[in-house]
Amino acid sequence: MALIARAAAVDGPHGPLLLPTSLAARKGEVTLVAGDPGPAATTLALALGGRVRLDDGSITCNGDPEPHVRRRRVALVDVPGVTEPEPGLPVEVVVGEELALAGLPSRRADIRAFLRERGAEERSSQRWESLEPAEHVRWLAEISAQREDVTAVVLTGPDRWGGSPHAWHGTAQVLADQGLVVVVLATHSSVRLLGLETTYELGVSA
């Protein structure tokens, strides 16, 4: 299984939203893409997930270029302004919505069970933004990865919540160890802190 972009580019009404970008993400690996937060990172995430049309280049999921395949196979986690939860909502509401979006049981008992398994049942009424950065990313990723037919997960800007990049990278590695394709769009500084050599960059094509 693989998610591969070859010089994928998206135009906007006033200029390019995504300059030609290439990456090759494969099953069982965490693939980092370094770049500044903003429209380009969001657009790449949406393109990988088959949510926006490419103006140039290509993206394939398991060799298939059809966007509808990526919409089914690729889970987009916490995309700024698109799939990120409203920070002021109670934790239980966000968890319920995310479970429902993933096609998982989302009754009150299911929400309580999810929180209980994570030792957080007493925090159900707290605001979502009160979670630790590592919890924020991990919970959303864990739920999204359980969606039926998902073979790839894209984490967008997990470092914008603060905390150590090693925490969200650990979550990404757990997902990869489960046999998923995992792409993380992060800042250059986070990638440097991780001390990893292999990475791709926004706006760079092979």
N, C-alpha and C. Protein backbone atom coordinates (compact mmCIF):
# COMPACT_ATOMS: atom_id res chain seq x y z
N MET A 1 0.85 -1.19 0.00
CA MET A 1 0.00 0.00 0.00
C MET A 1 0.89 1.24 0.00
N ALA A 2 0.48 2.25 -0.76
CA ALA A 2 1.27 3.46 -0.85
C ALA A 2 0.41 4.64 -1.26
N LEU A 3 0.83 5.83 -0.84
CA LEU A 3 0.21 7.09 -1.24
C LEU A 3 1.33 7.92 -1.85
N ILE A 4 1.22 8.14 -3.16
CA ILE A 4 2.34 8.75 -3.90
C ILE A 4 1.87 9.99 -4.65
N ALA A 5 2.56 11.10 -4.43
CA ALA A 5 2.30 12.35 -5.15
C ALA A 5 3.48 12.64 -6.06
N ARG A 6 3.16 12.97 -7.30
CA ARG A 6 4.20 13.32 -8.27
C ARG A 6 3.92 14.72 -8.80
N ALA A 7 4.70 15.69 -8.31
CA ALA A 7 4.57 17.10 -8.73
C ALA A 7 3.12 17.56 -8.66
N ALA A 8 2.42 17.18 -7.60
CA ALA A 8 1.01 17.56 -7.44
C ALA A 8 0.91 19.06 -7.17
N ALA A 9 0.05 19.74 -7.92
CA ALA A 9 -0.09 21.19 -7.80
C ALA A 9 -1.56 21.58 -7.89
N VAL A 10 -1.91 22.64 -7.14
CA VAL A 10 -3.28 23.16 -7.13
C VAL A 10 -3.23 24.67 -7.28
N ASP A 11 -3.99 25.20 -8.23
CA ASP A 11 -4.06 26.64 -8.45
C ASP A 11 -5.19 27.25 -7.63
N GLY A 12 -5.02 28.51 -7.26
CA GLY A 12 -6.06 29.26 -6.58
C GLY A 12 -6.48 30.44 -7.42
N PRO A 13 -7.48 31.19 -7.00
CA PRO A 13 -7.96 32.33 -7.80
C PRO A 13 -6.94 33.46 -7.92
N HIS A 14 -6.00 33.53 -6.96
CA HIS A 14 -5.03 34.63 -6.98
C HIS A 14 -3.58 34.13 -7.01
N GLY A 15 -3.40 32.88 -7.35
CA GLY A 15 -2.06 32.30 -7.38
C GLY A 15 -2.10 30.85 -6.94
N PRO A 16 -0.96 30.19 -6.94
CA PRO A 16 -0.94 28.77 -6.57
C PRO A 16 -1.24 28.54 -5.10
N LEU A 17 -2.11 27.59 -4.83
CA LEU A 17 -2.35 27.16 -3.45
C LEU A 17 -1.32 26.12 -3.03
N LEU A 18 -0.92 25.30 -3.98
CA LEU A 18 0.08 24.26 -3.72
C LEU A 18 1.04 24.20 -4.90
N LEU A 19 2.30 24.55 -4.66
CA LEU A 19 3.32 24.40 -5.69
C LEU A 19 3.62 22.92 -5.88
N PRO A 20 4.13 22.54 -7.05
CA PRO A 20 4.38 21.12 -7.31
C PRO A 20 5.12 20.42 -6.17
N THR A 21 4.49 19.40 -5.64
CA THR A 21 5.02 18.69 -4.47
C THR A 21 4.99 17.19 -4.72
N SER A 22 6.08 16.53 -4.36
CA SER A 22 6.18 15.08 -4.54
C SER A 22 6.47 14.41 -3.20
N LEU A 23 5.92 13.23 -3.03
CA LEU A 23 6.23 12.41 -1.85
C LEU A 23 5.84 10.97 -2.14
N ALA A 24 6.44 10.07 -1.41
CA ALA A 24 6.11 8.65 -1.51
C ALA A 24 5.97 8.10 -0.10
N ALA A 25 4.74 7.81 0.30
CA ALA A 25 4.45 7.29 1.64
C ALA A 25 3.98 5.85 1.51
N ARG A 26 4.59 4.97 2.29
CA ARG A 26 4.29 3.55 2.16
C ARG A 26 3.83 2.93 3.48
N LYS A 27 3.17 1.80 3.34
CA LYS A 27 2.65 1.06 4.48
C LYS A 27 3.72 0.81 5.52
N GLY A 28 3.37 1.06 6.77
CA GLY A 28 4.29 0.76 7.85
C GLY A 28 5.35 1.80 8.11
N GLU A 29 5.24 2.96 7.41
CA GLU A 29 6.24 4.01 7.58
C GLU A 29 5.56 5.33 7.96
N VAL A 30 6.29 6.18 8.70
CA VAL A 30 5.84 7.54 8.96
C VAL A 30 6.58 8.45 7.98
N THR A 31 5.84 9.12 7.10
CA THR A 31 6.42 10.00 6.11
C THR A 31 6.19 11.44 6.53
N LEU A 32 7.28 12.18 6.74
CA LEU A 32 7.19 13.57 7.15
C LEU A 32 7.31 14.50 5.94
N VAL A 33 6.46 15.52 5.93
CA VAL A 33 6.53 16.57 4.92
C VAL A 33 6.71 17.89 5.66
N ALA A 34 7.85 18.54 5.45
CA ALA A 34 8.16 19.77 6.16
C ALA A 34 7.73 20.99 5.36
N GLY A 35 7.19 21.97 6.06
CA GLY A 35 6.77 23.19 5.39
C GLY A 35 6.13 24.15 6.37
N ASP A 36 5.93 25.37 5.92
CA ASP A 36 5.29 26.37 6.78
C ASP A 36 3.81 26.07 6.90
N PRO A 37 3.22 26.29 8.08
CA PRO A 37 1.77 26.11 8.22
C PRO A 37 1.04 27.13 7.38
N GLY A 38 -0.14 26.76 6.89
CA GLY A 38 -0.90 27.70 6.07
C GLY A 38 -1.63 26.99 4.94
N PRO A 39 -2.05 27.74 3.93
CA PRO A 39 -2.87 27.18 2.85
C PRO A 39 -2.21 26.03 2.09
N ALA A 40 -0.90 26.08 1.90
CA ALA A 40 -0.24 25.02 1.14
C ALA A 40 -0.36 23.68 1.85
N ALA A 41 -0.10 23.67 3.17
CA ALA A 41 -0.20 22.42 3.92
C ALA A 41 -1.63 21.90 3.92
N THR A 42 -2.59 22.80 4.12
CA THR A 42 -4.00 22.39 4.10
C THR A 42 -4.39 21.84 2.74
N THR A 43 -3.94 22.50 1.68
CA THR A 43 -4.28 22.06 0.33
C THR A 43 -3.66 20.71 0.02
N LEU A 44 -2.41 20.49 0.45
CA LEU A 44 -1.79 19.18 0.22
C LEU A 44 -2.57 18.09 0.94
N ALA A 45 -2.97 18.34 2.19
CA ALA A 45 -3.75 17.35 2.92
C ALA A 45 -5.04 17.02 2.18
N LEU A 46 -5.74 18.05 1.73
CA LEU A 46 -7.01 17.83 1.02
C LEU A 46 -6.78 17.10 -0.30
N ALA A 47 -5.69 17.42 -0.97
CA ALA A 47 -5.38 16.74 -2.23
C ALA A 47 -5.06 15.27 -2.00
N LEU A 48 -4.28 14.99 -0.96
CA LEU A 48 -3.96 13.60 -0.64
C LEU A 48 -5.23 12.81 -0.33
N GLY A 49 -6.20 13.50 0.28
CA GLY A 49 -7.45 12.85 0.63
C GLY A 49 -8.50 12.88 -0.47
N GLY A 50 -8.13 13.38 -1.66
CA GLY A 50 -9.07 13.40 -2.78
C GLY A 50 -10.17 14.42 -2.66
N ARG A 51 -9.92 15.47 -1.84
CA ARG A 51 -10.97 16.48 -1.60
C ARG A 51 -10.85 17.70 -2.48
N VAL A 52 -9.71 17.89 -3.15
CA VAL A 52 -9.57 18.99 -4.10
C VAL A 52 -9.00 18.45 -5.40
N ARG A 53 -9.32 19.14 -6.49
CA ARG A 53 -8.86 18.71 -7.81
C ARG A 53 -7.45 19.24 -8.08
N LEU A 54 -6.61 18.38 -8.62
CA LEU A 54 -5.27 18.80 -9.00
C LEU A 54 -5.30 19.55 -10.32
N ASP A 55 -4.47 20.57 -10.44
CA ASP A 55 -4.31 21.28 -11.71
C ASP A 55 -3.10 20.78 -12.48
N ASP A 56 -2.23 20.06 -11.78
CA ASP A 56 -1.07 19.46 -12.44
C ASP A 56 -0.56 18.32 -11.57
N GLY A 57 0.20 17.43 -12.20
CA GLY A 57 0.76 16.31 -11.47
C GLY A 57 -0.27 15.23 -11.17
N SER A 58 0.07 14.34 -10.26
CA SER A 58 -0.83 13.23 -9.94
C SER A 58 -0.63 12.77 -8.50
N ILE A 59 -1.67 12.13 -7.97
CA ILE A 59 -1.60 11.46 -6.67
C ILE A 59 -2.29 10.11 -6.83
N THR A 60 -1.62 9.06 -6.39
CA THR A 60 -2.22 7.73 -6.46
C THR A 60 -2.28 7.11 -5.07
N CYS A 61 -3.32 6.34 -4.84
CA CYS A 61 -3.47 5.56 -3.62
C CYS A 61 -3.48 4.09 -4.02
N ASN A 62 -2.46 3.38 -3.61
CA ASN A 62 -2.32 1.97 -4.01
C ASN A 62 -2.37 1.84 -5.53
N GLY A 63 -1.76 2.81 -6.22
CA GLY A 63 -1.67 2.78 -7.68
C GLY A 63 -2.86 3.34 -8.41
N ASP A 64 -3.92 3.71 -7.70
CA ASP A 64 -5.14 4.20 -8.33
C ASP A 64 -5.18 5.73 -8.24
N PRO A 65 -5.35 6.45 -9.37
CA PRO A 65 -5.34 7.91 -9.36
C PRO A 65 -6.69 8.55 -9.08
N GLU A 66 -7.75 7.75 -8.96
CA GLU A 66 -9.09 8.31 -8.81
C GLU A 66 -9.29 8.96 -7.44
N PRO A 67 -9.76 10.21 -7.41
CA PRO A 67 -9.98 10.90 -6.14
C PRO A 67 -10.95 10.17 -5.21
N HIS A 68 -11.98 9.53 -5.79
CA HIS A 68 -12.97 8.87 -4.93
C HIS A 68 -12.35 7.72 -4.14
N VAL A 69 -11.28 7.12 -4.69
CA VAL A 69 -10.58 6.06 -3.96
C VAL A 69 -9.88 6.65 -2.75
N ARG A 70 -9.24 7.81 -2.93
CA ARG A 70 -8.57 8.46 -1.80
C ARG A 70 -9.57 8.95 -0.77
N ARG A 71 -10.72 9.41 -1.20
CA ARG A 71 -11.73 9.86 -0.23
C ARG A 71 -12.16 8.71 0.68
N ARG A 72 -12.13 7.50 0.15
CA ARG A 72 -12.53 6.34 0.94
C ARG A 72 -11.37 5.79 1.77
N ARG A 73 -10.17 5.85 1.22
CA ARG A 73 -9.03 5.19 1.82
C ARG A 73 -8.19 6.07 2.74
N VAL A 74 -8.25 7.39 2.56
CA VAL A 74 -7.36 8.29 3.29
C VAL A 74 -8.15 9.07 4.35
N ALA A 75 -7.74 8.95 5.60
CA ALA A 75 -8.37 9.69 6.69
C ALA A 75 -7.57 10.97 6.95
N LEU A 76 -8.26 12.10 6.92
CA LEU A 76 -7.62 13.39 7.18
C LEU A 76 -7.87 13.78 8.64
N VAL A 77 -6.79 13.92 9.40
CA VAL A 77 -6.90 14.16 10.84
C VAL A 77 -6.58 15.62 11.16
N ASP A 78 -7.55 16.32 11.75
CA ASP A 78 -7.31 17.64 12.34
C ASP A 78 -6.77 18.65 11.33
N VAL A 79 -7.35 18.69 10.13
CA VAL A 79 -6.92 19.67 9.12
C VAL A 79 -7.41 21.05 9.54
N PRO A 80 -6.52 22.04 9.68
CA PRO A 80 -6.93 23.37 10.13
C PRO A 80 -8.05 23.97 9.28
N GLY A 81 -9.12 24.40 9.94
CA GLY A 81 -10.23 25.03 9.25
C GLY A 81 -11.11 24.09 8.45
N VAL A 82 -10.82 22.80 8.49
CA VAL A 82 -11.60 21.83 7.69
C VAL A 82 -12.15 20.72 8.59
N THR A 83 -11.27 19.91 9.15
CA THR A 83 -11.73 18.80 9.99
C THR A 83 -11.35 18.97 11.46
N GLU A 84 -10.71 20.10 11.82
CA GLU A 84 -10.35 20.28 13.23
C GLU A 84 -11.60 20.56 14.06
N PRO A 85 -11.68 19.99 15.25
CA PRO A 85 -12.84 20.23 16.12
C PRO A 85 -12.87 21.67 16.63
N GLU A 86 -14.05 22.14 16.95
CA GLU A 86 -14.20 23.45 17.56
C GLU A 86 -13.61 23.39 18.97
N PRO A 87 -12.60 24.21 19.29
CA PRO A 87 -11.89 24.08 20.57
C PRO A 87 -12.75 24.31 21.80
N GLY A 88 -13.85 25.08 21.68
CA GLY A 88 -14.67 25.37 22.84
C GLY A 88 -15.71 24.32 23.17
N LEU A 89 -15.84 23.30 22.33
CA LEU A 89 -16.84 22.26 22.59
C LEU A 89 -16.39 21.34 23.72
N PRO A 90 -17.33 20.75 24.45
CA PRO A 90 -16.96 19.77 25.48
C PRO A 90 -16.29 18.56 24.85
N VAL A 91 -15.39 17.96 25.59
CA VAL A 91 -14.67 16.78 25.12
C VAL A 91 -15.64 15.69 24.66
N GLU A 92 -16.70 15.44 25.43
CA GLU A 92 -17.64 14.37 25.08
C GLU A 92 -18.35 14.64 23.75
N VAL A 93 -18.61 15.91 23.45
CA VAL A 93 -19.26 16.25 22.19
C VAL A 93 -18.32 15.99 21.01
N VAL A 94 -17.07 16.42 21.16
CA VAL A 94 -16.09 16.20 20.09
C VAL A 94 -15.87 14.71 19.85
N VAL A 95 -15.70 13.96 20.93
CA VAL A 95 -15.48 12.51 20.78
C VAL A 95 -16.68 11.87 20.10
N GLY A 96 -17.89 12.24 20.49
CA GLY A 96 -19.09 11.69 19.87
C GLY A 96 -19.17 12.01 18.38
N GLU A 97 -18.85 13.26 18.03
CA GLU A 97 -18.89 13.66 16.62
C GLU A 97 -17.84 12.90 15.81
N GLU A 98 -16.64 12.77 16.37
CA GLU A 98 -15.57 12.08 15.65
C GLU A 98 -15.89 10.60 15.47
N LEU A 99 -16.44 9.98 16.50
CA LEU A 99 -16.84 8.57 16.37
C LEU A 99 -17.90 8.41 15.28
N ALA A 100 -18.88 9.31 15.27
CA ALA A 100 -19.95 9.23 14.27
C ALA A 100 -19.39 9.43 12.86
N LEU A 101 -18.49 10.40 12.68
CA LEU A 101 -17.90 10.66 11.37
C LEU A 101 -17.10 9.47 10.87
N ALA A 102 -16.53 8.73 11.81
CA ALA A 102 -15.75 7.54 11.43
C ALA A 102 -16.63 6.31 11.22
N GLY A 103 -17.94 6.48 11.40
CA GLY A 103 -18.85 5.35 11.23
C GLY A 103 -18.82 4.37 12.38
N LEU A 104 -18.39 4.84 13.55
CA LEU A 104 -18.29 3.99 14.72
C LEU A 104 -19.47 4.27 15.67
N PRO A 105 -19.79 3.33 16.55
CA PRO A 105 -20.86 3.58 17.53
C PRO A 105 -20.57 4.85 18.32
N SER A 106 -21.57 5.72 18.45
CA SER A 106 -21.32 7.02 19.07
C SER A 106 -22.40 7.42 20.08
N ARG A 107 -23.03 6.42 20.68
CA ARG A 107 -24.01 6.72 21.72
C ARG A 107 -23.27 7.18 22.98
N ARG A 108 -24.02 7.71 23.93
CA ARG A 108 -23.40 8.22 25.16
C ARG A 108 -22.55 7.15 25.84
N ALA A 109 -23.04 5.90 25.82
CA ALA A 109 -22.29 4.81 26.45
C ALA A 109 -20.97 4.57 25.72
N ASP A 110 -20.98 4.73 24.39
CA ASP A 110 -19.76 4.53 23.60
C ASP A 110 -18.75 5.64 23.88
N ILE A 111 -19.25 6.85 24.04
CA ILE A 111 -18.37 7.98 24.37
C ILE A 111 -17.74 7.76 25.74
N ARG A 112 -18.56 7.36 26.70
CA ARG A 112 -18.05 7.12 28.05
C ARG A 112 -17.00 6.01 28.04
N ALA A 113 -17.24 4.96 27.24
CA ALA A 113 -16.29 3.85 27.16
C ALA A 113 -14.96 4.32 26.57
N PHE A 114 -15.04 5.15 25.54
CA PHE A 114 -13.82 5.68 24.92
C PHE A 114 -13.00 6.46 25.94
N LEU A 115 -13.66 7.34 26.68
CA LEU A 115 -12.96 8.15 27.67
C LEU A 115 -12.46 7.32 28.85
N ARG A 116 -13.26 6.35 29.26
CA ARG A 116 -12.87 5.50 30.38
C ARG A 116 -11.60 4.71 30.04
N GLU A 117 -11.51 4.21 28.83
CA GLU A 117 -10.33 3.45 28.40
C GLU A 117 -9.07 4.30 28.44
N ARG A 118 -9.24 5.61 28.38
CA ARG A 118 -8.09 6.54 28.39
C ARG A 118 -7.96 7.27 29.71
N GLY A 119 -8.68 6.79 30.72
CA GLY A 119 -8.59 7.40 32.04
C GLY A 119 -9.05 8.84 32.07
N ALA A 120 -10.04 9.18 31.24
CA ALA A 120 -10.45 10.58 31.12
C ALA A 120 -11.95 10.77 31.24
N GLU A 121 -12.64 9.82 31.85
CA GLU A 121 -14.09 9.90 31.93
C GLU A 121 -14.55 11.14 32.70
N GLU A 122 -13.78 11.55 33.71
CA GLU A 122 -14.17 12.71 34.51
C GLU A 122 -13.95 14.03 33.78
N ARG A 123 -13.33 13.97 32.61
CA ARG A 123 -13.05 15.20 31.87
C ARG A 123 -14.03 15.41 30.72
N SER A 124 -15.10 14.66 30.70
CA SER A 124 -16.03 14.69 29.56
C SER A 124 -16.63 16.07 29.31
N SER A 125 -16.83 16.86 30.36
CA SER A 125 -17.46 18.16 30.19
C SER A 125 -16.47 19.30 30.00
N GLN A 126 -15.17 18.99 30.08
CA GLN A 126 -14.16 20.02 29.87
C GLN A 126 -14.11 20.44 28.40
N ARG A 127 -13.57 21.62 28.16
CA ARG A 127 -13.42 22.09 26.78
C ARG A 127 -12.36 21.26 26.06
N TRP A 128 -12.60 21.02 24.78
CA TRP A 128 -11.66 20.23 23.97
C TRP A 128 -10.25 20.83 24.03
N GLU A 129 -10.14 22.14 24.03
CA GLU A 129 -8.85 22.79 24.02
C GLU A 129 -8.07 22.57 25.31
N SER A 130 -8.73 22.02 26.34
CA SER A 130 -8.05 21.78 27.61
C SER A 130 -7.20 20.52 27.58
N LEU A 131 -7.36 19.69 26.55
CA LEU A 131 -6.57 18.47 26.46
C LEU A 131 -5.10 18.80 26.26
N GLU A 132 -4.25 17.91 26.73
CA GLU A 132 -2.83 18.02 26.43
C GLU A 132 -2.62 17.82 24.93
N PRO A 133 -1.63 18.50 24.33
CA PRO A 133 -1.40 18.35 22.88
C PRO A 133 -1.29 16.90 22.43
N ALA A 134 -0.59 16.08 23.21
CA ALA A 134 -0.41 14.68 22.83
C ALA A 134 -1.74 13.94 22.79
N GLU A 135 -2.63 14.24 23.75
CA GLU A 135 -3.94 13.60 23.79
C GLU A 135 -4.77 14.05 22.59
N HIS A 136 -4.76 15.34 22.35
CA HIS A 136 -5.51 15.93 21.24
C HIS A 136 -5.24 15.18 19.95
N VAL A 137 -3.97 15.05 19.62
CA VAL A 137 -3.59 14.39 18.37
C VAL A 137 -3.89 12.90 18.42
N ARG A 138 -3.54 12.26 19.53
CA ARG A 138 -3.68 10.81 19.61
C ARG A 138 -5.13 10.37 19.50
N TRP A 139 -6.03 11.05 20.21
CA TRP A 139 -7.43 10.64 20.19
C TRP A 139 -8.04 10.79 18.79
N LEU A 140 -7.78 11.92 18.14
CA LEU A 140 -8.33 12.12 16.80
C LEU A 140 -7.78 11.10 15.82
N ALA A 141 -6.48 10.82 15.93
CA ALA A 141 -5.86 9.87 15.01
C ALA A 141 -6.38 8.46 15.24
N GLU A 142 -6.52 8.08 16.51
CA GLU A 142 -7.00 6.73 16.83
C GLU A 142 -8.41 6.51 16.28
N ILE A 143 -9.27 7.51 16.41
CA ILE A 143 -10.63 7.37 15.91
C ILE A 143 -10.65 7.30 14.39
N SER A 144 -9.94 8.21 13.74
CA SER A 144 -9.94 8.26 12.27
C SER A 144 -9.40 6.97 11.66
N ALA A 145 -8.40 6.40 12.30
CA ALA A 145 -7.77 5.19 11.77
C ALA A 145 -8.71 3.98 11.80
N GLN A 146 -9.78 4.06 12.60
CA GLN A 146 -10.72 2.94 12.70
C GLN A 146 -11.82 2.99 11.64
N ARG A 147 -11.83 4.06 10.86
CA ARG A 147 -12.87 4.17 9.83
C ARG A 147 -12.74 3.03 8.82
N GLU A 148 -13.86 2.49 8.41
CA GLU A 148 -13.86 1.37 7.48
C GLU A 148 -13.15 1.75 6.18
N ASP A 149 -12.33 0.85 5.67
CA ASP A 149 -11.61 0.98 4.40
C ASP A 149 -10.39 1.89 4.45
N VAL A 150 -10.11 2.50 5.59
CA VAL A 150 -8.96 3.40 5.67
C VAL A 150 -7.65 2.62 5.63
N THR A 151 -6.76 3.04 4.73
CA THR A 151 -5.43 2.44 4.66
C THR A 151 -4.34 3.48 4.85
N ALA A 152 -4.72 4.76 4.89
CA ALA A 152 -3.74 5.83 5.06
C ALA A 152 -4.31 6.92 5.96
N VAL A 153 -3.43 7.54 6.73
CA VAL A 153 -3.82 8.62 7.64
C VAL A 153 -2.90 9.82 7.40
N VAL A 154 -3.49 11.01 7.30
CA VAL A 154 -2.72 12.24 7.13
C VAL A 154 -2.94 13.13 8.34
N LEU A 155 -1.86 13.40 9.09
CA LEU A 155 -1.92 14.31 10.24
C LEU A 155 -1.42 15.68 9.77
N THR A 156 -2.21 16.72 9.97
CA THR A 156 -1.86 18.04 9.48
C THR A 156 -1.59 19.01 10.62
N GLY A 157 -0.36 19.48 10.69
CA GLY A 157 0.01 20.47 11.69
C GLY A 157 -0.16 20.05 13.13
N PRO A 158 0.22 18.84 13.52
CA PRO A 158 0.05 18.45 14.93
C PRO A 158 0.88 19.30 15.87
N ASP A 159 1.94 19.92 15.36
CA ASP A 159 2.81 20.74 16.19
C ASP A 159 2.22 22.10 16.53
N ARG A 160 1.11 22.47 15.89
CA ARG A 160 0.53 23.78 16.18
C ARG A 160 -0.10 23.84 17.57
N TRP A 161 -0.28 22.68 18.19
CA TRP A 161 -0.86 22.65 19.54
C TRP A 161 0.21 22.71 20.62
N GLY A 162 1.48 22.75 20.23
CA GLY A 162 2.56 22.81 21.21
C GLY A 162 2.97 21.42 21.66
N GLY A 163 3.76 21.38 22.71
CA GLY A 163 4.25 20.10 23.21
C GLY A 163 5.43 19.59 22.40
N SER A 164 5.92 18.44 22.77
CA SER A 164 7.07 17.84 22.09
C SER A 164 6.64 17.14 20.81
N PRO A 165 7.38 17.35 19.71
CA PRO A 165 7.05 16.63 18.47
C PRO A 165 7.22 15.12 18.62
N HIS A 166 8.01 14.70 19.60
CA HIS A 166 8.18 13.26 19.81
C HIS A 166 6.87 12.60 20.22
N ALA A 167 5.97 13.36 20.86
CA ALA A 167 4.68 12.80 21.29
C ALA A 167 3.82 12.46 20.08
N TRP A 168 3.61 13.45 19.17
CA TRP A 168 2.77 13.13 18.02
C TRP A 168 3.47 12.18 17.05
N HIS A 169 4.80 12.24 17.01
CA HIS A 169 5.50 11.29 16.14
C HIS A 169 5.33 9.87 16.68
N GLY A 170 5.27 9.74 18.01
CA GLY A 170 5.01 8.42 18.59
C GLY A 170 3.65 7.89 18.21
N THR A 171 2.64 8.78 18.21
CA THR A 171 1.30 8.38 17.76
C THR A 171 1.33 7.95 16.31
N ALA A 172 2.03 8.71 15.47
CA ALA A 172 2.13 8.36 14.05
C ALA A 172 2.81 7.01 13.86
N GLN A 173 3.84 6.74 14.68
CA GLN A 173 4.55 5.47 14.55
C GLN A 173 3.68 4.30 14.97
N VAL A 174 2.84 4.49 15.98
CA VAL A 174 1.90 3.43 16.39
C VAL A 174 0.96 3.08 15.24
N LEU A 175 0.45 4.11 14.57
CA LEU A 175 -0.44 3.87 13.43
C LEU A 175 0.30 3.14 12.31
N ALA A 176 1.55 3.55 12.06
CA ALA A 176 2.34 2.88 11.02
C ALA A 176 2.59 1.42 11.38
N ASP A 177 2.84 1.16 12.66
CA ASP A 177 3.08 -0.21 13.11
C ASP A 177 1.84 -1.08 12.97
N GLN A 178 0.68 -0.44 12.88
CA GLN A 178 -0.57 -1.17 12.66
C GLN A 178 -0.78 -1.50 11.18
N GLY A 179 0.16 -1.07 10.33
CA GLY A 179 0.09 -1.40 8.91
C GLY A 179 -0.52 -0.31 8.06
N LEU A 180 -0.63 0.91 8.59
CA LEU A 180 -1.19 2.02 7.83
C LEU A 180 -0.10 2.83 7.14
N VAL A 181 -0.48 3.51 6.08
CA VAL A 181 0.36 4.55 5.47
C VAL A 181 0.13 5.81 6.30
N VAL A 182 1.19 6.45 6.79
CA VAL A 182 1.04 7.62 7.64
C VAL A 182 1.85 8.78 7.09
N VAL A 183 1.17 9.91 6.84
CA VAL A 183 1.82 11.13 6.39
C VAL A 183 1.60 12.20 7.45
N VAL A 184 2.66 12.90 7.83
CA VAL A 184 2.55 14.00 8.79
C VAL A 184 3.08 15.27 8.14
N LEU A 185 2.25 16.31 8.10
CA LEU A 185 2.67 17.61 7.60
C LEU A 185 3.04 18.46 8.81
N ALA A 186 4.31 18.80 8.93
CA ALA A 186 4.82 19.48 10.12
C ALA A 186 5.77 20.61 9.71
N THR A 187 6.16 21.40 10.69
CA THR A 187 7.08 22.51 10.43
C THR A 187 8.52 21.99 10.32
N HIS A 188 9.36 22.81 9.69
CA HIS A 188 10.78 22.45 9.59
C HIS A 188 11.41 22.31 10.97
N SER A 189 11.03 23.17 11.90
CA SER A 189 11.63 23.12 13.23
C SER A 189 11.29 21.81 13.95
N SER A 190 10.05 21.34 13.78
CA SER A 190 9.67 20.07 14.41
C SER A 190 10.46 18.91 13.81
N VAL A 191 10.62 18.94 12.50
CA VAL A 191 11.37 17.87 11.84
C VAL A 191 12.81 17.86 12.33
N ARG A 192 13.40 19.05 12.50
CA ARG A 192 14.77 19.12 13.00
C ARG A 192 14.87 18.59 14.42
N LEU A 193 13.88 18.92 15.25
CA LEU A 193 13.89 18.43 16.63
C LEU A 193 13.79 16.91 16.71
N LEU A 194 13.09 16.33 15.75
CA LEU A 194 12.96 14.87 15.72
C LEU A 194 14.27 14.20 15.32
N GLY A 195 15.13 14.95 14.64
CA GLY A 195 16.43 14.42 14.25
C GLY A 195 16.36 13.34 13.20
N LEU A 196 15.34 13.40 12.35
CA LEU A 196 15.17 12.39 11.30
C LEU A 196 15.73 12.91 9.98
N GLU A 197 16.33 12.03 9.23
CA GLU A 197 17.01 12.44 8.01
C GLU A 197 16.08 12.52 6.81
N THR A 198 15.23 11.53 6.65
CA THR A 198 14.43 11.44 5.43
C THR A 198 13.12 12.21 5.58
N THR A 199 12.92 13.17 4.72
CA THR A 199 11.68 13.93 4.74
C THR A 199 11.44 14.54 3.37
N TYR A 200 10.22 14.99 3.15
CA TYR A 200 9.87 15.70 1.93
C TYR A 200 9.53 17.14 2.31
N GLU A 201 9.41 17.99 1.29
CA GLU A 201 9.10 19.40 1.57
C GLU A 201 7.95 19.87 0.70
N LEU A 202 7.13 20.73 1.27
CA LEU A 202 6.08 21.39 0.50
C LEU A 202 6.70 22.18 -0.64
N GLY A 203 6.10 22.09 -1.80
CA GLY A 203 6.58 22.88 -2.93
C GLY A 203 7.84 22.36 -3.56
N VAL A 204 8.18 21.11 -3.32
CA VAL A 204 9.37 20.50 -3.91
C VAL A 204 8.95 19.24 -4.65
N SER A 205 9.25 19.19 -5.94
CA SER A 205 8.86 18.03 -6.75
C SER A 205 10.10 17.24 -7.16
N ALA A 206 9.91 15.95 -7.30
CA ALA A 206 11.03 15.08 -7.67
C ALA A 206 11.28 15.15 -9.17
